[in-house]
């Protein structure tokens, strides 16, 4: 059974922090796909622009990469270290 990490937040900073926390804790593995901007915006009750700003900040910091129509995924080597032992 696959359990998906629930991204939370109502601001771009909050959403970005939630994704970063998921990566740091190991709940979002490298190459894990993030929800499309519009779908996540609907789930969180925020505007698509808010989610797009969060994703842009995460890209700038090297935590996620965008693959065009392939969506946004966690970077292979995210800029944050996992707290899980190797």
PDB file of N, CA and C in Angstrom:
ATOM      1  N   UNK A   1       0.840  -1.175   0.000  1.00  0.00           N
ATOM      2  CA  UNK A   1       0.000   0.000   0.000  1.00  0.00           C
ATOM      3  C   UNK A   1       0.886   1.239   0.000  1.00  0.00           C
ATOM      4  N   UNK A   2       0.596   2.187  -0.880  1.00  0.00           N
ATOM      5  CA  UNK A   2       1.367   3.419  -0.996  1.00  0.00           C
ATOM      6  C   UNK A   2       0.622   4.524  -0.255  1.00  0.00           C
ATOM      7  N   UNK A   3       1.329   5.202   0.628  1.00  0.00           N
ATOM      8  CA  UNK A   3       0.749   6.325   1.345  1.00  0.00           C
ATOM      9  C   UNK A   3       1.404   7.586   0.814  1.00  0.00           C
ATOM     10  N   UNK A   4       0.584   8.527   0.346  1.00  0.00           N
ATOM     11  CA  UNK A   4       1.129   9.754  -0.197  1.00  0.00           C
ATOM     12  C   UNK A   4       1.298  10.781   0.907  1.00  0.00           C
ATOM     13  N   UNK A   5       2.324  11.579   0.775  1.00  0.00           N
ATOM     14  CA  UNK A   5       2.576  12.665   1.707  1.00  0.00           C
ATOM     15  C   UNK A   5       1.573  13.774   1.453  1.00  0.00           C
ATOM     16  N   UNK A   6       0.939  14.260   2.480  1.00  0.00           N
ATOM     17  CA  UNK A   6      -0.046  15.328   2.343  1.00  0.00           C
ATOM     18  C   UNK A   6       0.601  16.693   2.463  1.00  0.00           C
ATOM     19  N   UNK A   7       0.716  17.386   1.347  1.00  0.00           N
ATOM     20  CA  UNK A   7       1.271  18.737   1.352  1.00  0.00           C
ATOM     21  C   UNK A   7       0.234  19.662   1.983  1.00  0.00           C
ATOM     22  N   UNK A   8       0.706  20.557   2.858  1.00  0.00           N
ATOM     23  CA  UNK A   8      -0.187  21.485   3.537  1.00  0.00           C
ATOM     24  C   UNK A   8       0.281  22.916   3.303  1.00  0.00           C
ATOM     25  N   UNK A   9      -0.531  23.860   3.749  1.00  0.00           N
ATOM     26  CA  UNK A   9      -0.159  25.268   3.679  1.00  0.00           C
ATOM     27  C   UNK A   9      -1.205  26.082   2.959  1.00  0.00           C
ATOM     28  N   UNK A  10      -1.236  27.366   3.300  1.00  0.00           N
ATOM     29  CA  UNK A  10      -2.170  28.274   2.635  1.00  0.00           C
ATOM     30  C   UNK A  10      -1.438  29.459   2.021  1.00  0.00           C
ATOM     31  N   UNK A  11      -0.127  29.497   2.192  1.00  0.00           N
ATOM     32  CA  UNK A  11       0.701  30.538   1.572  1.00  0.00           C
ATOM     33  C   UNK A  11       1.800  29.841   0.789  1.00  0.00           C
ATOM     34  N   UNK A  12       2.450  30.571  -0.100  1.00  0.00           N
ATOM     35  CA  UNK A  12       3.548  29.980  -0.872  1.00  0.00           C
ATOM     36  C   UNK A  12       4.651  29.495   0.072  1.00  0.00           C
ATOM     37  N   UNK A  13       4.975  30.299   1.092  1.00  0.00           N
ATOM     38  CA  UNK A  13       6.007  29.893   2.052  1.00  0.00           C
ATOM     39  C   UNK A  13       5.605  28.635   2.803  1.00  0.00           C
ATOM     40  N   UNK A  14       4.346  28.555   3.204  1.00  0.00           N
ATOM     41  CA  UNK A  14       3.860  27.391   3.939  1.00  0.00           C
ATOM     42  C   UNK A  14       3.880  26.127   3.098  1.00  0.00           C
ATOM     43  N   UNK A  15       3.479  26.248   1.844  1.00  0.00           N
ATOM     44  CA  UNK A  15       3.474  25.095   0.937  1.00  0.00           C
ATOM     45  C   UNK A  15       4.900  24.641   0.680  1.00  0.00           C
ATOM     46  N   UNK A  16       5.803  25.584   0.403  1.00  0.00           N
ATOM     47  CA  UNK A  16       7.207  25.242   0.166  1.00  0.00           C
ATOM     48  C   UNK A  16       7.810  24.574   1.396  1.00  0.00           C
ATOM     49  N   UNK A  17       7.496  25.094   2.579  1.00  0.00           N
ATOM     50  CA  UNK A  17       8.019  24.510   3.819  1.00  0.00           C
ATOM     51  C   UNK A  17       7.494  23.093   4.015  1.00  0.00           C
ATOM     52  N   UNK A  18       6.234  22.859   3.664  1.00  0.00           N
ATOM     53  CA  UNK A  18       5.648  21.528   3.794  1.00  0.00           C
ATOM     54  C   UNK A  18       6.351  20.528   2.875  1.00  0.00           C
ATOM     55  N   UNK A  19       6.602  20.930   1.634  1.00  0.00           N
ATOM     56  CA  UNK A  19       7.301  20.049   0.697  1.00  0.00           C
ATOM     57  C   UNK A  19       8.720  19.787   1.196  1.00  0.00           C
ATOM     58  N   UNK A  20       9.408  20.837   1.637  1.00  0.00           N
ATOM     59  CA  UNK A  20      10.771  20.669   2.132  1.00  0.00           C
ATOM     60  C   UNK A  20      10.799  19.738   3.348  1.00  0.00           C
ATOM     61  N   UNK A  21       9.823  19.871   4.231  1.00  0.00           N
ATOM     62  CA  UNK A  21       9.735  18.993   5.399  1.00  0.00           C
ATOM     63  C   UNK A  21       9.545  17.540   4.950  1.00  0.00           C
ATOM     64  N   UNK A  22       8.697  17.330   3.943  1.00  0.00           N
ATOM     65  CA  UNK A  22       8.483  15.983   3.424  1.00  0.00           C
ATOM     66  C   UNK A  22       9.752  15.373   2.856  1.00  0.00           C
ATOM     67  N   UNK A  23      10.552  16.197   2.182  1.00  0.00           N
ATOM     68  CA  UNK A  23      11.824  15.721   1.622  1.00  0.00           C
ATOM     69  C   UNK A  23      12.802  15.416   2.758  1.00  0.00           C
ATOM     70  N   UNK A  24      12.906  16.331   3.712  1.00  0.00           N
ATOM     71  CA  UNK A  24      13.835  16.169   4.828  1.00  0.00           C
ATOM     72  C   UNK A  24      13.519  14.918   5.643  1.00  0.00           C
ATOM     73  N   UNK A  25      12.237  14.666   5.865  1.00  0.00           N
ATOM     74  CA  UNK A  25      11.819  13.523   6.675  1.00  0.00           C
ATOM     75  C   UNK A  25      11.814  12.220   5.889  1.00  0.00           C
ATOM     76  N   UNK A  26      12.027  12.292   4.593  1.00  0.00           N
ATOM     77  CA  UNK A  26      12.053  11.086   3.771  1.00  0.00           C
ATOM     78  C   UNK A  26      10.690  10.644   3.271  1.00  0.00           C
ATOM     79  N   UNK A  27       9.654  11.435   3.550  1.00  0.00           N
ATOM     80  CA  UNK A  27       8.316  11.088   3.082  1.00  0.00           C
ATOM     81  C   UNK A  27       8.164  11.341   1.585  1.00  0.00           C
ATOM     82  N   UNK A  28       8.964  12.262   1.061  1.00  0.00           N
ATOM     83  CA  UNK A  28       9.004  12.530  -0.381  1.00  0.00           C
ATOM     84  C   UNK A  28      10.388  12.134  -0.874  1.00  0.00           C
ATOM     85  N   UNK A  29      10.443  11.012  -1.548  1.00  0.00           N
ATOM     86  CA  UNK A  29      11.716  10.469  -2.022  1.00  0.00           C
ATOM     87  C   UNK A  29      12.179  11.188  -3.289  1.00  0.00           C
ATOM     88  N   UNK A  30      13.470  11.100  -3.593  1.00  0.00           N
ATOM     89  CA  UNK A  30      13.952  11.641  -4.862  1.00  0.00           C
ATOM     90  C   UNK A  30      13.139  11.052  -6.024  1.00  0.00           C
ATOM     91  N   UNK A  31      12.822  11.909  -6.981  1.00  0.00           N
ATOM     92  CA  UNK A  31      12.038  11.552  -8.169  1.00  0.00           C
ATOM     93  C   UNK A  31      10.542  11.424  -7.879  1.00  0.00           C
ATOM     94  N   UNK A  32      10.100  11.658  -6.634  1.00  0.00           N
ATOM     95  CA  UNK A  32       8.668  11.608  -6.323  1.00  0.00           C
ATOM     96  C   UNK A  32       7.966  12.764  -7.032  1.00  0.00           C
ATOM     97  N   UNK A  33       6.860  12.470  -7.669  1.00  0.00           N
ATOM     98  CA  UNK A  33       6.105  13.490  -8.392  1.00  0.00           C
ATOM     99  C   UNK A  33       5.253  14.302  -7.429  1.00  0.00           C
ATOM    100  N   UNK A  34       5.265  15.611  -7.609  1.00  0.00           N
ATOM    101  CA  UNK A  34       4.386  16.486  -6.852  1.00  0.00           C
ATOM    102  C   UNK A  34       3.103  16.667  -7.652  1.00  0.00           C
ATOM    103  N   UNK A  35       2.006  16.982  -6.973  1.00  0.00           N
ATOM    104  CA  UNK A  35       0.745  17.167  -7.703  1.00  0.00           C
ATOM    105  C   UNK A  35       0.831  18.354  -8.662  1.00  0.00           C
ATOM    106  N   UNK A  36       0.082  18.299  -9.753  1.00  0.00           N
ATOM    107  CA  UNK A  36       0.029  19.456 -10.645  1.00  0.00           C
ATOM    108  C   UNK A  36      -0.444  20.698  -9.875  1.00  0.00           C
ATOM    109  N   UNK A  37      -0.014  21.851 -10.317  1.00  0.00           N
ATOM    110  CA  UNK A  37      -0.309  23.114  -9.631  1.00  0.00           C
ATOM    111  C   UNK A  37      -1.809  23.287  -9.395  1.00  0.00           C
ATOM    112  N   UNK A  38      -2.607  23.137 -10.415  1.00  0.00           N
ATOM    113  CA  UNK A  38      -4.047  23.380 -10.262  1.00  0.00           C
ATOM    114  C   UNK A  38      -4.706  22.383  -9.315  1.00  0.00           C
ATOM    115  N   UNK A  39      -4.308  21.137  -9.378  1.00  0.00           N
ATOM    116  CA  UNK A  39      -4.911  20.138  -8.488  1.00  0.00           C
ATOM    117  C   UNK A  39      -4.558  20.430  -7.030  1.00  0.00           C
ATOM    118  N   UNK A  40      -3.277  20.742  -6.766  1.00  0.00           N
ATOM    119  CA  UNK A  40      -2.876  21.047  -5.394  1.00  0.00           C
ATOM    120  C   UNK A  40      -3.568  22.324  -4.914  1.00  0.00           C
ATOM    121  N   UNK A  41      -3.691  23.309  -5.778  1.00  0.00           N
ATOM    122  CA  UNK A  41      -4.383  24.545  -5.411  1.00  0.00           C
ATOM    123  C   UNK A  41      -5.829  24.248  -5.002  1.00  0.00           C
ATOM    124  N   UNK A  42      -6.511  23.399  -5.764  1.00  0.00           N
ATOM    125  CA  UNK A  42      -7.886  23.016  -5.426  1.00  0.00           C
ATOM    126  C   UNK A  42      -7.934  22.299  -4.080  1.00  0.00           C
ATOM    127  N   UNK A  43      -7.004  21.373  -3.859  1.00  0.00           N
ATOM    128  CA  UNK A  43      -6.980  20.607  -2.603  1.00  0.00           C
ATOM    129  C   UNK A  43      -6.745  21.510  -1.394  1.00  0.00           C
ATOM    130  N   UNK A  44      -5.892  22.524  -1.559  1.00  0.00           N
ATOM    131  CA  UNK A  44      -5.540  23.391  -0.441  1.00  0.00           C
ATOM    132  C   UNK A  44      -6.452  24.610  -0.324  1.00  0.00           C
ATOM    133  N   UNK A  45      -7.268  24.847  -1.333  1.00  0.00           N
ATOM    134  CA  UNK A  45      -8.159  26.005  -1.316  1.00  0.00           C
ATOM    135  C   UNK A  45      -7.435  27.327  -1.508  1.00  0.00           C
ATOM    136  N   UNK A  46      -6.375  27.291  -2.334  1.00  0.00           N
ATOM    137  CA  UNK A  46      -5.604  28.508  -2.630  1.00  0.00           C
ATOM    138  C   UNK A  46      -5.587  28.718  -4.136  1.00  0.00           C
ATOM    139  N   UNK A  47      -5.045  29.841  -4.563  1.00  0.00           N
ATOM    140  CA  UNK A  47      -4.980  30.108  -5.997  1.00  0.00           C
ATOM    141  C   UNK A  47      -3.829  29.323  -6.628  1.00  0.00           C
ATOM    142  N   UNK A  48      -3.952  28.988  -7.900  1.00  0.00           N
ATOM    143  CA  UNK A  48      -2.851  28.320  -8.591  1.00  0.00           C
ATOM    144  C   UNK A  48      -1.562  29.137  -8.543  1.00  0.00           C
ATOM    145  N   UNK A  49      -1.688  30.450  -8.528  1.00  0.00           N
ATOM    146  CA  UNK A  49      -0.505  31.306  -8.450  1.00  0.00           C
ATOM    147  C   UNK A  49       0.279  31.104  -7.155  1.00  0.00           C
ATOM    148  N   UNK A  50      -0.426  30.829  -6.071  1.00  0.00           N
ATOM    149  CA  UNK A  50       0.233  30.578  -4.784  1.00  0.00           C
ATOM    150  C   UNK A  50       1.068  29.306  -4.855  1.00  0.00           C
ATOM    151  N   UNK A  51       0.496  28.256  -5.418  1.00  0.00           N
ATOM    152  CA  UNK A  51       1.226  26.985  -5.548  1.00  0.00           C
ATOM    153  C   UNK A  51       2.378  27.156  -6.536  1.00  0.00           C
ATOM    154  N   UNK A  52       2.140  27.862  -7.631  1.00  0.00           N
ATOM    155  CA  UNK A  52       3.201  28.085  -8.623  1.00  0.00           C
ATOM    156  C   UNK A  52       4.373  28.841  -7.994  1.00  0.00           C
ATOM    157  N   UNK A  53       4.088  29.808  -7.142  1.00  0.00           N
ATOM    158  CA  UNK A  53       5.146  30.552  -6.456  1.00  0.00           C
ATOM    159  C   UNK A  53       5.927  29.632  -5.522  1.00  0.00           C
ATOM    160  N   UNK A  54       5.232  28.753  -4.817  1.00  0.00           N
ATOM    161  CA  UNK A  54       5.906  27.797  -3.924  1.00  0.00           C
ATOM    162  C   UNK A  54       6.817  26.878  -4.731  1.00  0.00           C
ATOM    163  N   UNK A  55       6.325  26.340  -5.838  1.00  0.00           N
ATOM    164  CA  UNK A  55       7.126  25.450  -6.674  1.00  0.00           C
ATOM    165  C   UNK A  55       8.337  26.191  -7.248  1.00  0.00           C
ATOM    166  N   UNK A  56       8.134  27.453  -7.622  1.00  0.00           N
ATOM    167  CA  UNK A  56       9.236  28.251  -8.169  1.00  0.00           C
ATOM    168  C   UNK A  56      10.344  28.411  -7.119  1.00  0.00           C
ATOM    169  N   UNK A  57       9.954  28.691  -5.881  1.00  0.00           N
ATOM    170  CA  UNK A  57      10.930  28.832  -4.799  1.00  0.00           C
ATOM    171  C   UNK A  57      11.660  27.502  -4.552  1.00  0.00           C
ATOM    172  N   UNK A  58      10.933  26.406  -4.569  1.00  0.00           N
ATOM    173  CA  UNK A  58      11.552  25.089  -4.375  1.00  0.00           C
ATOM    174  C   UNK A  58      12.523  24.773  -5.515  1.00  0.00           C
ATOM    175  N   UNK A  59      12.185  25.161  -6.743  1.00  0.00           N
ATOM    176  CA  UNK A  59      13.104  24.968  -7.882  1.00  0.00           C
ATOM    177  C   UNK A  59      14.356  25.804  -7.698  1.00  0.00           C
ATOM    178  N   UNK A  60      14.170  27.064  -7.306  1.00  0.00           N
ATOM    179  CA  UNK A  60      15.299  27.973  -7.108  1.00  0.00           C
ATOM    180  C   UNK A  60      16.263  27.415  -6.058  1.00  0.00           C
ATOM    181  N   UNK A  61      15.736  26.755  -5.056  1.00  0.00           N
ATOM    182  CA  UNK A  61      16.562  26.221  -3.973  1.00  0.00           C
ATOM    183  C   UNK A  61      17.087  24.813  -4.271  1.00  0.00           C
ATOM    184  N   UNK A  62      16.734  24.246  -5.419  1.00  0.00           N
ATOM    185  CA  UNK A  62      17.267  22.947  -5.815  1.00  0.00           C
ATOM    186  C   UNK A  62      16.591  21.759  -5.169  1.00  0.00           C
ATOM    187  N   UNK A  63      15.409  21.960  -4.615  1.00  0.00           N
ATOM    188  CA  UNK A  63      14.698  20.869  -3.949  1.00  0.00           C
ATOM    189  C   UNK A  63      13.862  20.076  -4.943  1.00  0.00           C
ATOM    190  N   UNK A  64      13.326  20.757  -5.942  1.00  0.00           N
ATOM    191  CA  UNK A  64      12.542  20.083  -6.977  1.00  0.00           C
ATOM    192  C   UNK A  64      13.045  20.507  -8.354  1.00  0.00           C
ATOM    193  N   UNK A  65      12.670  19.743  -9.354  1.00  0.00           N
ATOM    194  CA  UNK A  65      12.943  20.092 -10.744  1.00  0.00           C
ATOM    195  C   UNK A  65      11.641  19.955 -11.520  1.00  0.00           C
ATOM    196  N   UNK A  66      11.507  20.755 -12.564  1.00  0.00           N
ATOM    197  CA  UNK A  66      10.320  20.691 -13.400  1.00  0.00           C
ATOM    198  C   UNK A  66      10.698  20.084 -14.731  1.00  0.00           C
ATOM    199  N   UNK A  67       9.885  19.156 -15.181  1.00  0.00           N
ATOM    200  CA  UNK A  67      10.152  18.451 -16.433  1.00  0.00           C
ATOM    201  C   UNK A  67       9.087  18.780 -17.472  1.00  0.00           C
ATOM    202  N   UNK A  68       8.776  20.041 -17.592  1.00  0.00           N
ATOM    203  CA  UNK A  68       7.776  20.449 -18.579  1.00  0.00           C
ATOM    204  C   UNK A  68       6.467  19.727 -18.371  1.00  0.00           C
ATOM    205  N   UNK A  69       5.992  19.069 -19.404  1.00  0.00           N
ATOM    206  CA  UNK A  69       4.730  18.333 -19.307  1.00  0.00           C
ATOM    207  C   UNK A  69       4.855  17.116 -18.406  1.00  0.00           C
ATOM    208  N   UNK A  70       6.087  16.752 -18.028  1.00  0.00           N
ATOM    209  CA  UNK A  70       6.309  15.625 -17.120  1.00  0.00           C
ATOM    210  C   UNK A  70       6.062  15.985 -15.668  1.00  0.00           C
ATOM    211  N   UNK A  71       5.811  17.257 -15.391  1.00  0.00           N
ATOM    212  CA  UNK A  71       5.477  17.672 -14.039  1.00  0.00           C
ATOM    213  C   UNK A  71       6.681  18.068 -13.201  1.00  0.00           C
ATOM    214  N   UNK A  72       6.414  18.297 -11.938  1.00  0.00           N
ATOM    215  CA  UNK A  72       7.433  18.701 -10.974  1.00  0.00           C
ATOM    216  C   UNK A  72       7.731  17.519 -10.073  1.00  0.00           C
ATOM    217  N   UNK A  73       9.017  17.228  -9.905  1.00  0.00           N
ATOM    218  CA  UNK A  73       9.430  16.095  -9.078  1.00  0.00           C
ATOM    219  C   UNK A  73      10.522  16.530  -8.111  1.00  0.00           C
ATOM    220  N   UNK A  74      10.684  15.756  -7.042  1.00  0.00           N
ATOM    221  CA  UNK A  74      11.767  16.000  -6.098  1.00  0.00           C
ATOM    222  C   UNK A  74      13.079  15.727  -6.830  1.00  0.00           C
ATOM    223  N   UNK A  75      14.043  16.602  -6.639  1.00  0.00           N
ATOM    224  CA  UNK A  75      15.346  16.448  -7.297  1.00  0.00           C
ATOM    225  C   UNK A  75      16.007  15.133  -6.882  1.00  0.00           C
ATOM    226  N   UNK A  76      16.833  14.593  -7.774  1.00  0.00           N
ATOM    227  CA  UNK A  76      17.541  13.338  -7.457  1.00  0.00           C
ATOM    228  C   UNK A  76      18.402  13.492  -6.220  1.00  0.00           C
ATOM    229  N   UNK A  77      19.066  14.621  -6.125  1.00  0.00           N
ATOM    230  CA  UNK A  77      19.871  14.923  -4.941  1.00  0.00           C
ATOM    231  C   UNK A  77      19.342  16.259  -4.408  1.00  0.00           C
ATOM    232  N   UNK A  78      18.267  16.189  -3.601  1.00  0.00           N
ATOM    233  CA  UNK A  78      17.680  17.433  -3.115  1.00  0.00           C
ATOM    234  C   UNK A  78      18.678  18.248  -2.300  1.00  0.00           C
ATOM    235  N   UNK A  79      18.460  19.539  -2.267  1.00  0.00           N
ATOM    236  CA  UNK A  79      19.355  20.445  -1.554  1.00  0.00           C
ATOM    237  C   UNK A  79      19.205  20.338  -0.043  1.00  0.00           C
ATOM    238  N   UNK A  80      18.282  19.522   0.445  1.00  0.00           N
ATOM    239  CA  UNK A  80      18.149  19.300   1.886  1.00  0.00           C
ATOM    240  C   UNK A  80      18.500  17.852   2.173  1.00  0.00           C
ATOM    241  N   UNK A  81      19.096  17.624   3.309  1.00  0.00           N
ATOM    242  CA  UNK A  81      19.510  16.277   3.676  1.00  0.00           C
ATOM    243  C   UNK A  81      18.387  15.558   4.407  1.00  0.00           C
ATOM    244  N   UNK A  82      18.227  14.305   4.115  1.00  0.00           N
ATOM    245  CA  UNK A  82      17.254  13.486   4.813  1.00  0.00           C
ATOM    246  C   UNK A  82      17.788  13.167   6.193  1.00  0.00           C
ATOM    247  N   UNK A  83      16.913  13.090   7.137  1.00  0.00           N
ATOM    248  CA  UNK A  83      17.315  12.722   8.499  1.00  0.00           C
ATOM    249  C   UNK A  83      17.338  11.213   8.701  1.00  0.00           C
ATOM    250  N   UNK A  84      16.914  10.493   7.680  1.00  0.00           N
ATOM    251  CA  UNK A  84      16.919   9.035   7.774  1.00  0.00           C
ATOM    252  C   UNK A  84      18.349   8.538   7.641  1.00  0.00           C
ATOM    253  N   UNK A  85      18.728   7.537   8.424  1.00  0.00           N
ATOM    254  CA  UNK A  85      20.103   7.015   8.300  1.00  0.00           C
ATOM    255  C   UNK A  85      20.301   6.347   6.957  1.00  0.00           C
ATOM    256  N   UNK A  86      21.538   6.385   6.443  1.00  0.00           N
ATOM    257  CA  UNK A  86      21.811   5.784   5.122  1.00  0.00           C
ATOM    258  C   UNK A  86      21.629   4.284   5.121  1.00  0.00           C
TER     259      UNK A  86
END
